[in-house]
Amino acid sequence: MRLHGAPDVLLRMTPGYSSDRTPRAMAMFAASGPIADIELKGLVLDMNGRNNPISPARAKGVYNRFPQAHIFVSGGRGQAAARVDRARIMDSVFRDSNGVSCIVMGQNDDPNASLGQDWVLERCRFLDNGMDTDDHSSVFAYAEGVQTKACSFANVAPFGPTGVNTAYEVHGSRQIISDCTFTNMMRGIWVANNYSNVTTGTTIRRNVFRTQFYGIDFFNDRQAAKSIENTDISDNKFIFDDSSIASVPALNFKAAVQIASEFAQRKVRVSRNTIRKTGHTVTSAFVVVTGGANGQVRHDSIVVADNQGEGLTFGSFVRTTAHAGIGRLTIVRNRWTALSPSATMSIAAGDAVEHTGTLQPIASLTLGGGSVQAAGAGKSVKTIYINAFVRSLVLAPIRSQGITSGLLALGSAARLETVERRTPPRQ
């Protein structure tokens, strides 16, 4: 199918199909089985959400999670898994979906299901979606070989508690997200799992994130799901402020990259990114690494190198949990300026390593080689602060300014088995 829009063409769902009296799921284009070779170009697709509400109990803070999708690929149980191979979606607008999605490339929990292959999303705009649900993801990329280029995701109003929870969810291998912009959602990208194949070879580069709490996050909470590995995050720009969401008080930490899933992430490289935050009320970090254990399966082989940040609480924040240690971490050659404590953190640090409850080991930790600068005189800022159990610690020299605590400050629970000082090799 080839569907090309003439200038000013608009496809809009009829009003009143869904209502507070009879809330309904709906889709504009739907596939319930395997199909191939689809192209949509130059279309404005409007779900008419303002006239199709789905959450009659919204005044009580209760929201339905129905799809109101522009493109919806999903089949019933006991039949061939729905998927689309070779889909091209270009120069189109996806707007005003009240529901949980704009594009769903597939969804199933069958480990034998084949995922769709070879999608292209190029120069598309996603505008003002998720306005009557609390769990909207504009693109649910449950497919492999997806290229998303020069797309924009933006809501006029920030998330809270409705709007865009997550703009884009990676759920398959060989996905490239490049030169996109993300504005006013809680989270820009979730790198997540599927049940058929390992999610590997994700590339996220040259994007701009003006999100509220997270730029790029990782998700894996199921034993049955396949693992996630080989993620490259490079040359992105993250911009945060001190805004918060009164209706969601649990959101009290902002991070450009967060690796905090319940099950492990492996082989993540984060390099040459920049972050700028204004205000020091809400705690913030460039990268967070925590959680992630299933027995001895832990976050492992994570490299954070050559990034720059301004106005943060922490450059990196690593924390073991009471039941989960961490594998190998390398956090080197990063430059952090204008660090300052926040309203909820009494200290700031270029690199902070903490624990929660029972000490669990970090197999190896390499830090240093960059620079750390305090926001001003009198700020409680550490160059490196460790209050955790590290089996092998490698330290490299760090240039510091406005900091009097030296290279390494240890907390009362710190336990270091071996410490080596040297310049870490480039990786």
Protein backbone atom coordinates (compact mmCIF):
# COMPACT_ATOMS: atom_id res chain seq x y z
CA MET A 1 0.00 0.00 0.00
CA ARG A 2 1.22 3.48 -0.90
CA LEU A 3 -0.73 6.36 0.57
CA HIS A 4 0.64 9.83 -0.26
CA GLY A 5 -1.06 13.00 0.92
CA ALA A 6 -1.74 15.95 -1.33
CA PRO A 7 -0.92 19.36 0.21
CA ASP A 8 -3.04 20.13 3.29
CA VAL A 9 -4.61 16.68 3.41
CA LEU A 10 -6.05 15.77 6.82
CA LEU A 11 -7.39 12.44 8.06
CA ARG A 12 -9.36 12.90 11.28
CA MET A 13 -11.29 10.40 13.39
CA THR A 14 -14.97 11.11 13.82
CA PRO A 15 -15.94 12.86 17.08
CA GLY A 16 -17.84 11.02 19.78
CA TYR A 17 -16.81 7.47 18.90
CA SER A 18 -15.33 7.37 22.41
CA SER A 19 -16.95 9.29 25.26
CA ASP A 20 -16.99 9.52 29.04
CA ARG A 21 -20.18 7.49 28.94
CA THR A 22 -18.71 4.82 26.63
CA PRO A 23 -14.89 5.02 26.52
CA ARG A 24 -13.43 3.00 23.65
CA ALA A 25 -10.13 2.01 22.11
CA MET A 26 -9.69 2.82 18.43
CA ALA A 27 -7.16 2.92 15.62
CA MET A 28 -6.90 4.73 12.31
CA PHE A 29 -4.72 2.16 10.49
CA ALA A 30 -4.67 -1.36 11.98
CA ALA A 31 -3.05 -4.69 11.15
CA SER A 32 -4.09 -7.89 12.93
CA GLY A 33 -1.71 -10.28 11.13
CA PRO A 34 1.58 -10.30 9.20
CA ILE A 35 1.70 -7.86 6.26
CA ALA A 36 4.47 -6.13 4.32
CA ASP A 37 5.40 -3.15 2.13
CA ILE A 38 3.58 -0.11 3.48
CA GLU A 39 4.34 3.53 2.76
CA LEU A 40 2.62 6.59 4.24
CA LYS A 41 3.88 10.01 3.21
CA GLY A 42 2.80 13.59 3.65
CA LEU A 43 -0.23 12.91 5.86
CA VAL A 44 -1.69 14.71 8.86
CA LEU A 45 -3.28 12.04 11.05
CA ASP A 46 -5.54 13.42 13.79
CA MET A 47 -7.20 11.11 16.35
CA ASN A 48 -9.51 13.97 17.41
CA GLY A 49 -8.81 13.24 21.06
CA ARG A 50 -10.45 16.41 22.28
CA ASN A 51 -13.74 14.92 21.13
CA ASN A 52 -12.96 11.28 22.01
CA PRO A 53 -12.18 11.10 25.76
CA ILE A 54 -11.30 7.75 27.37
CA SER A 55 -10.98 8.44 31.13
CA PRO A 56 -14.28 9.37 32.79
CA ALA A 57 -12.72 9.13 36.30
CA ARG A 58 -9.94 11.62 35.53
CA ALA A 59 -11.13 13.98 38.29
CA LYS A 60 -10.24 11.24 40.78
CA GLY A 61 -6.82 10.73 39.21
CA VAL A 62 -7.84 7.46 37.52
CA TYR A 63 -6.90 7.12 33.85
CA ASN A 64 -7.67 4.42 31.31
CA ARG A 65 -4.89 2.98 29.20
CA PHE A 66 -6.70 2.37 25.92
CA PRO A 67 -5.02 2.72 22.55
CA GLN A 68 -6.11 5.57 20.34
CA ALA A 69 -3.42 4.77 17.80
CA HIS A 70 -2.81 6.24 14.39
CA ILE A 71 -1.06 2.97 13.41
CA PHE A 72 -1.77 -0.15 15.48
CA VAL A 73 -0.21 -3.56 14.79
CA SER A 74 -1.62 -6.19 17.14
CA GLY A 75 -3.25 -9.59 16.73
CA GLY A 76 -5.27 -11.89 18.95
CA ARG A 77 -4.01 -14.96 20.75
CA GLY A 78 -3.87 -18.23 18.84
CA GLN A 79 -3.08 -16.66 15.47
CA ALA A 80 0.03 -15.58 13.61
CA ALA A 81 1.71 -12.67 15.40
CA ALA A 82 0.84 -9.34 13.84
CA ARG A 83 3.80 -7.55 12.32
CA VAL A 84 4.73 -5.31 9.40
CA ASP A 85 7.86 -5.78 7.31
CA ARG A 86 9.24 -2.91 5.25
CA ALA A 87 7.22 0.09 6.42
CA ARG A 88 8.12 3.66 5.45
CA ILE A 89 6.44 6.52 7.28
CA MET A 90 7.67 9.93 6.10
CA ASP A 91 6.85 13.63 6.41
CA SER A 92 3.69 12.97 8.40
CA VAL A 93 2.07 14.41 11.53
CA PHE A 94 0.62 12.31 14.35
CA ARG A 95 -1.49 14.37 16.70
CA ASP A 96 -4.17 14.47 19.36
CA SER A 97 -4.23 10.85 20.52
CA ASN A 98 -5.81 10.61 23.96
CA GLY A 99 -4.63 7.03 24.37
CA VAL A 100 -1.41 5.18 25.11
CA SER A 101 0.19 5.28 21.67
CA CYS A 102 0.50 6.79 18.22
CA ILE A 103 2.43 4.01 16.44
CA VAL A 104 2.50 0.44 17.75
CA MET A 105 4.76 -1.72 15.54
CA GLY A 106 3.67 -4.93 17.31
CA GLN A 107 3.04 -6.44 20.73
CA ASN A 108 3.07 -10.00 22.05
CA ASP A 109 4.62 -12.21 24.71
CA ASP A 110 5.11 -15.29 22.50
CA PRO A 111 8.81 -16.30 22.48
CA ASN A 112 8.35 -17.87 19.04
CA ALA A 113 6.79 -14.82 17.42
CA SER A 114 8.57 -13.08 14.55
CA LEU A 115 9.05 -9.36 14.94
CA GLY A 116 8.45 -6.92 12.12
CA GLN A 117 11.51 -5.93 10.10
CA ASP A 118 12.83 -2.75 8.50
CA TRP A 119 10.77 0.29 9.43
CA VAL A 120 11.70 3.87 8.57
CA LEU A 121 10.25 6.90 10.39
CA GLU A 122 11.61 10.05 8.81
CA ARG A 123 10.80 13.74 9.33
CA CYS A 124 7.61 12.95 11.24
CA ARG A 125 6.07 15.09 13.98
CA PHE A 126 4.24 13.85 17.07
CA LEU A 127 2.20 16.67 18.58
CA ASP A 128 0.08 16.94 21.75
CA ASN A 129 -0.60 13.30 22.46
CA GLY A 130 -1.58 11.29 25.57
CA MET A 131 -3.84 13.99 26.98
CA ASP A 132 -6.36 11.64 28.67
CA THR A 133 -4.07 8.86 29.91
CA ASP A 134 -1.11 8.58 32.28
CA ASP A 135 0.91 6.06 30.24
CA HIS A 136 1.36 7.33 26.69
CA SER A 137 4.30 6.22 24.53
CA SER A 138 4.15 7.82 21.11
CA VAL A 139 6.20 5.12 19.33
CA PHE A 140 6.18 1.52 20.59
CA ALA A 141 8.94 0.15 18.35
CA TYR A 142 8.33 -3.59 18.76
CA ALA A 143 10.27 -4.44 15.60
CA GLU A 144 13.81 -4.87 14.33
CA GLY A 145 15.85 -2.77 11.95
CA VAL A 146 14.05 0.51 12.71
CA GLN A 147 15.53 3.81 11.56
CA THR A 148 14.01 6.92 13.12
CA LYS A 149 15.47 10.10 11.65
CA ALA A 150 14.82 13.82 12.15
CA CYS A 151 11.51 13.35 13.96
CA SER A 152 10.11 15.67 16.62
CA PHE A 153 8.10 14.75 19.70
CA ALA A 154 6.49 17.69 21.47
CA ASN A 155 3.56 18.57 23.71
CA VAL A 156 2.67 22.16 24.46
CA ALA A 157 1.98 21.23 28.10
CA PRO A 158 4.54 19.26 30.15
CA PHE A 159 3.71 15.78 31.41
CA GLY A 160 1.86 15.49 34.69
CA PRO A 161 -0.05 13.34 35.19
CA THR A 162 -1.25 13.10 31.58
CA GLY A 163 0.68 13.76 28.38
CA VAL A 164 3.66 11.88 27.01
CA ASN A 165 5.14 9.55 29.60
CA THR A 166 7.74 8.21 27.12
CA ALA A 167 8.18 9.43 23.58
CA TYR A 168 9.87 6.36 22.09
CA GLU A 169 10.26 2.74 23.28
CA VAL A 170 12.92 0.52 21.71
CA HIS A 171 11.77 -3.12 21.76
CA GLY A 172 13.95 -4.74 19.11
CA SER A 173 17.45 -4.95 17.67
CA ARG A 174 19.26 -2.73 15.20
CA GLN A 175 17.37 0.45 15.95
CA ILE A 176 18.88 3.86 15.17
CA ILE A 177 17.32 7.03 16.59
CA SER A 178 19.11 10.09 15.28
CA ASP A 179 18.67 13.86 14.90
CA CYS A 180 15.33 13.90 16.76
CA THR A 181 13.98 16.36 19.34
CA PHE A 182 12.02 15.56 22.51
CA THR A 183 10.10 18.30 24.35
CA ASN A 184 7.91 18.23 27.47
CA MET A 185 7.61 14.50 28.00
CA MET A 186 8.65 12.84 31.26
CA ARG A 187 11.09 10.55 29.43
CA GLY A 188 12.53 10.71 25.94
CA ILE A 189 13.55 7.11 25.14
CA TRP A 190 13.14 3.77 26.86
CA VAL A 191 15.51 0.99 25.72
CA ALA A 192 13.47 -2.11 26.52
CA ASN A 193 13.07 -5.81 25.82
CA ASN A 194 10.90 -8.22 23.85
CA TYR A 195 10.16 -11.93 24.28
CA SER A 196 11.52 -13.25 20.97
CA ASN A 197 15.09 -12.03 20.53
CA VAL A 198 17.84 -10.20 22.38
CA THR A 199 17.57 -6.43 21.94
CA THR A 200 21.02 -5.50 20.64
CA GLY A 201 22.67 -2.85 18.51
CA THR A 202 20.66 0.19 19.63
CA THR A 203 22.19 3.51 18.52
CA ILE A 204 20.95 6.84 19.93
CA ARG A 205 22.87 9.82 18.55
CA ARG A 206 22.68 13.56 17.84
CA ASN A 207 19.29 14.02 19.50
CA VAL A 208 18.14 16.95 21.66
CA PHE A 209 16.24 16.19 24.88
CA ARG A 210 14.23 18.89 26.68
CA THR A 211 12.48 16.35 28.83
CA GLN A 212 11.30 16.76 32.40
CA PHE A 213 13.02 13.94 34.28
CA TYR A 214 14.84 11.44 32.06
CA GLY A 215 16.46 11.64 28.68
CA ILE A 216 17.29 7.98 27.99
CA ASP A 217 16.15 5.23 30.35
CA PHE A 218 16.37 1.42 30.37
CA PHE A 219 13.55 -1.04 31.06
CA ASN A 220 13.70 -4.78 31.76
CA ASP A 221 11.47 -6.16 34.51
CA ARG A 222 10.60 -9.70 33.37
CA GLN A 223 12.43 -12.99 33.83
CA ALA A 224 10.82 -14.26 30.61
CA ALA A 225 12.00 -11.31 28.51
CA LYS A 226 15.17 -11.45 26.43
CA SER A 227 18.24 -9.48 27.46
CA ILE A 228 19.38 -6.05 26.29
CA GLU A 229 22.97 -5.34 25.25
CA ASN A 230 25.23 -3.28 22.97
CA THR A 231 23.61 0.14 23.35
CA ASP A 232 25.50 3.20 22.09
CA ILE A 233 24.47 6.68 23.28
CA SER A 234 26.58 9.41 21.73
CA ASP A 235 26.65 13.09 20.74
CA ASN A 236 23.27 13.92 22.29
CA LYS A 237 22.29 17.13 24.08
CA PHE A 238 20.22 17.17 27.29
CA ILE A 239 18.61 20.28 28.79
CA PHE A 240 16.85 20.27 32.19
CA ASP A 241 15.43 22.82 34.62
CA ASP A 242 14.12 22.66 38.18
CA SER A 243 10.47 22.01 37.34
CA SER A 244 8.61 19.26 39.22
CA ILE A 245 5.18 17.62 39.04
CA ALA A 246 3.00 18.23 42.10
CA SER A 247 0.68 15.35 41.19
CA VAL A 248 3.61 12.89 40.93
CA PRO A 249 5.80 13.64 43.99
CA ALA A 250 7.83 10.42 43.52
CA LEU A 251 9.56 12.07 40.57
CA ASN A 252 12.38 13.85 42.40
CA PHE A 253 15.57 12.99 40.47
CA LYS A 254 16.58 14.04 36.96
CA ALA A 255 19.07 12.17 34.79
CA ALA A 256 20.22 12.33 31.20
CA VAL A 257 20.89 8.57 31.14
CA GLN A 258 19.46 6.20 33.72
CA ILE A 259 20.35 2.50 33.94
CA ALA A 260 18.12 1.34 36.77
CA SER A 261 16.12 -1.62 35.45
CA GLU A 262 15.33 -4.61 37.63
CA PHE A 263 17.12 -6.99 35.25
CA ALA A 264 20.59 -6.40 33.88
CA GLN A 265 21.85 -4.19 31.09
CA ARG A 266 25.12 -5.12 29.39
CA LYS A 267 27.59 -3.36 27.11
CA VAL A 268 26.35 0.21 27.28
CA ARG A 269 28.58 3.01 25.99
CA VAL A 270 27.73 6.65 26.74
CA SER A 271 30.10 9.13 25.10
CA ARG A 272 30.49 12.72 23.90
CA ASN A 273 27.14 13.90 25.23
CA THR A 274 26.42 17.26 26.88
CA ILE A 275 23.98 18.23 29.61
CA ARG A 276 22.98 21.57 31.10
CA LYS A 277 20.68 22.03 34.10
CA THR A 278 19.45 25.31 35.54
CA GLY A 279 18.60 25.51 39.24
CA HIS A 280 19.77 23.38 42.15
CA THR A 281 16.50 22.44 43.88
CA VAL A 282 15.82 19.07 42.20
CA THR A 283 18.64 16.52 42.45
CA SER A 284 20.22 15.66 39.10
CA ALA A 285 22.94 13.56 37.52
CA PHE A 286 24.26 12.97 34.05
CA VAL A 287 24.24 9.18 34.48
CA VAL A 288 22.65 6.91 37.10
CA VAL A 289 23.51 3.21 37.47
CA THR A 290 21.60 1.15 40.03
CA GLY A 291 19.46 -1.99 40.45
CA GLY A 292 19.82 -4.70 37.85
CA ALA A 293 20.29 -8.13 39.36
CA ASN A 294 18.86 -11.59 38.88
CA GLY A 295 21.07 -13.79 41.00
CA GLN A 296 24.54 -13.08 39.68
CA VAL A 297 23.31 -11.37 36.50
CA ARG A 298 24.16 -7.71 37.02
CA HIS A 299 24.62 -4.52 35.05
CA ASP A 300 27.99 -5.01 33.40
CA SER A 301 30.43 -3.54 30.89
CA ILE A 302 29.21 0.06 31.11
CA VAL A 303 31.48 2.83 29.82
CA VAL A 304 30.73 6.54 30.37
CA ALA A 305 33.45 8.64 28.72
CA ASP A 306 34.15 12.12 27.33
CA ASN A 307 30.86 13.74 28.38
CA GLN A 308 30.31 17.29 29.65
CA GLY A 309 27.83 18.60 32.20
CA GLU A 310 26.93 21.91 33.84
CA GLY A 311 24.78 22.69 36.88
CA LEU A 312 24.31 19.13 38.18
CA THR A 313 24.31 17.58 41.64
CA PHE A 314 26.34 14.57 40.46
CA GLY A 315 28.21 13.85 37.28
CA SER A 316 27.71 10.12 37.85
CA PHE A 317 25.66 8.47 40.58
CA VAL A 318 26.19 4.72 41.14
CA ARG A 319 24.30 2.82 43.81
CA THR A 320 24.15 -0.85 44.68
CA THR A 321 20.97 -2.19 46.24
CA ALA A 322 20.50 -4.52 49.18
CA HIS A 323 20.24 -7.47 46.80
CA ALA A 324 22.22 -6.38 43.75
CA GLY A 325 25.84 -5.59 43.06
CA ILE A 326 27.23 -4.27 39.78
CA GLY A 327 29.80 -5.65 37.34
CA ARG A 328 32.42 -3.57 35.51
CA LEU A 329 32.04 0.22 35.30
CA THR A 330 34.35 2.69 33.57
CA ILE A 331 33.52 6.39 34.09
CA VAL A 332 36.39 8.48 32.74
CA ARG A 333 37.45 11.74 31.06
CA ASN A 334 34.21 13.54 31.84
CA ARG A 335 34.04 17.26 32.62
CA TRP A 336 31.57 18.48 35.24
CA THR A 337 31.18 22.20 35.99
CA ALA A 338 29.01 24.22 38.42
CA LEU A 339 28.25 21.23 40.67
CA SER A 340 26.15 22.03 43.73
CA PRO A 341 24.11 20.21 46.41
CA SER A 342 20.34 20.17 45.94
CA ALA A 343 17.38 20.59 48.26
CA THR A 344 17.45 16.86 49.07
CA MET A 345 21.19 16.07 48.76
CA SER A 346 23.59 17.72 51.19
CA ILE A 347 26.64 17.04 49.04
CA ALA A 348 27.48 17.08 45.35
CA ALA A 349 30.20 15.09 43.62
CA GLY A 350 31.78 14.53 40.26
CA ASP A 351 31.37 10.79 40.84
CA ALA A 352 29.33 9.38 43.73
CA VAL A 353 29.17 5.68 44.61
CA GLU A 354 26.65 4.63 47.27
CA HIS A 355 24.87 1.58 48.67
CA THR A 356 21.42 0.88 50.05
CA GLY A 357 21.23 -1.49 53.00
CA THR A 358 23.45 -4.57 52.77
CA LEU A 359 26.76 -3.98 51.00
CA GLN A 360 26.88 -5.67 47.60
CA PRO A 361 30.09 -5.69 45.50
CA ILE A 362 30.99 -3.65 42.47
CA ALA A 363 33.37 -5.94 40.58
CA SER A 364 35.55 -3.18 39.15
CA LEU A 365 35.28 0.60 39.01
CA THR A 366 37.51 2.94 37.01
CA LEU A 367 37.13 6.68 37.66
CA GLY A 368 38.97 9.87 36.78
CA GLY A 369 40.85 11.52 34.00
CA GLY A 370 38.50 14.50 33.67
CA SER A 371 37.66 17.63 35.68
CA VAL A 372 35.29 18.70 38.45
CA GLN A 373 34.31 22.27 39.36
CA ALA A 374 32.09 23.51 42.19
CA ALA A 375 29.36 26.08 41.52
CA GLY A 376 30.94 28.48 43.98
CA ALA A 377 32.76 28.92 47.26
CA GLY A 378 31.33 27.21 50.32
CA LYS A 379 29.57 24.43 48.40
CA SER A 380 29.93 20.89 49.77
CA VAL A 381 31.30 19.29 46.61
CA LYS A 382 33.47 16.18 46.44
CA THR A 383 35.65 15.16 43.53
CA ILE A 384 34.97 11.43 44.06
CA TYR A 385 32.84 10.12 46.93
CA ILE A 386 32.62 6.37 47.65
CA ASN A 387 30.44 4.80 50.32
CA ALA A 388 30.11 1.28 48.91
CA PHE A 389 31.94 -2.04 48.43
CA VAL A 390 34.34 -1.97 45.47
CA ARG A 391 36.49 -5.01 44.76
CA SER A 392 38.87 -3.26 42.35
CA LEU A 393 39.15 0.52 42.15
CA VAL A 394 41.29 2.31 39.57
CA LEU A 395 41.75 6.06 40.00
CA ALA A 396 43.19 8.55 37.53
CA PRO A 397 44.09 12.19 38.24
CA ILE A 398 41.24 14.72 38.03
CA ARG A 399 41.53 18.47 37.65
CA SER A 400 39.41 20.17 40.32
CA GLN A 401 38.39 23.74 41.12
CA GLY A 402 36.70 25.04 44.26
CA ILE A 403 37.01 21.67 46.03
CA THR A 404 39.07 21.10 49.18
CA SER A 405 38.46 17.39 49.88
CA GLY A 406 41.12 16.02 47.54
CA LEU A 407 40.68 13.31 44.95
CA LEU A 408 38.85 10.67 47.01
CA ALA A 409 36.47 11.00 49.97
CA LEU A 410 35.23 7.83 51.70
CA GLY A 411 31.98 7.30 53.59
CA SER A 412 31.66 5.33 56.79
CA ALA A 413 30.55 2.16 54.94
CA ALA A 414 33.22 2.28 52.22
CA ARG A 415 35.09 -0.95 51.59
CA LEU A 416 37.85 -1.10 48.97
CA GLU A 417 39.67 -4.35 48.32
CA THR A 418 42.30 -3.07 45.87
CA VAL A 419 43.11 0.48 44.80
CA GLU A 420 45.34 1.41 41.87
CA ARG A 421 46.23 4.86 40.62
CA ARG A 422 46.91 5.19 36.92
CA THR A 423 45.64 6.78 33.74
CA PRO A 424 42.86 4.58 32.34
CA PRO A 425 43.29 3.43 28.75
CA ARG A 426 41.00 4.71 26.04
CA GLN A 427 38.21 2.28 25.22
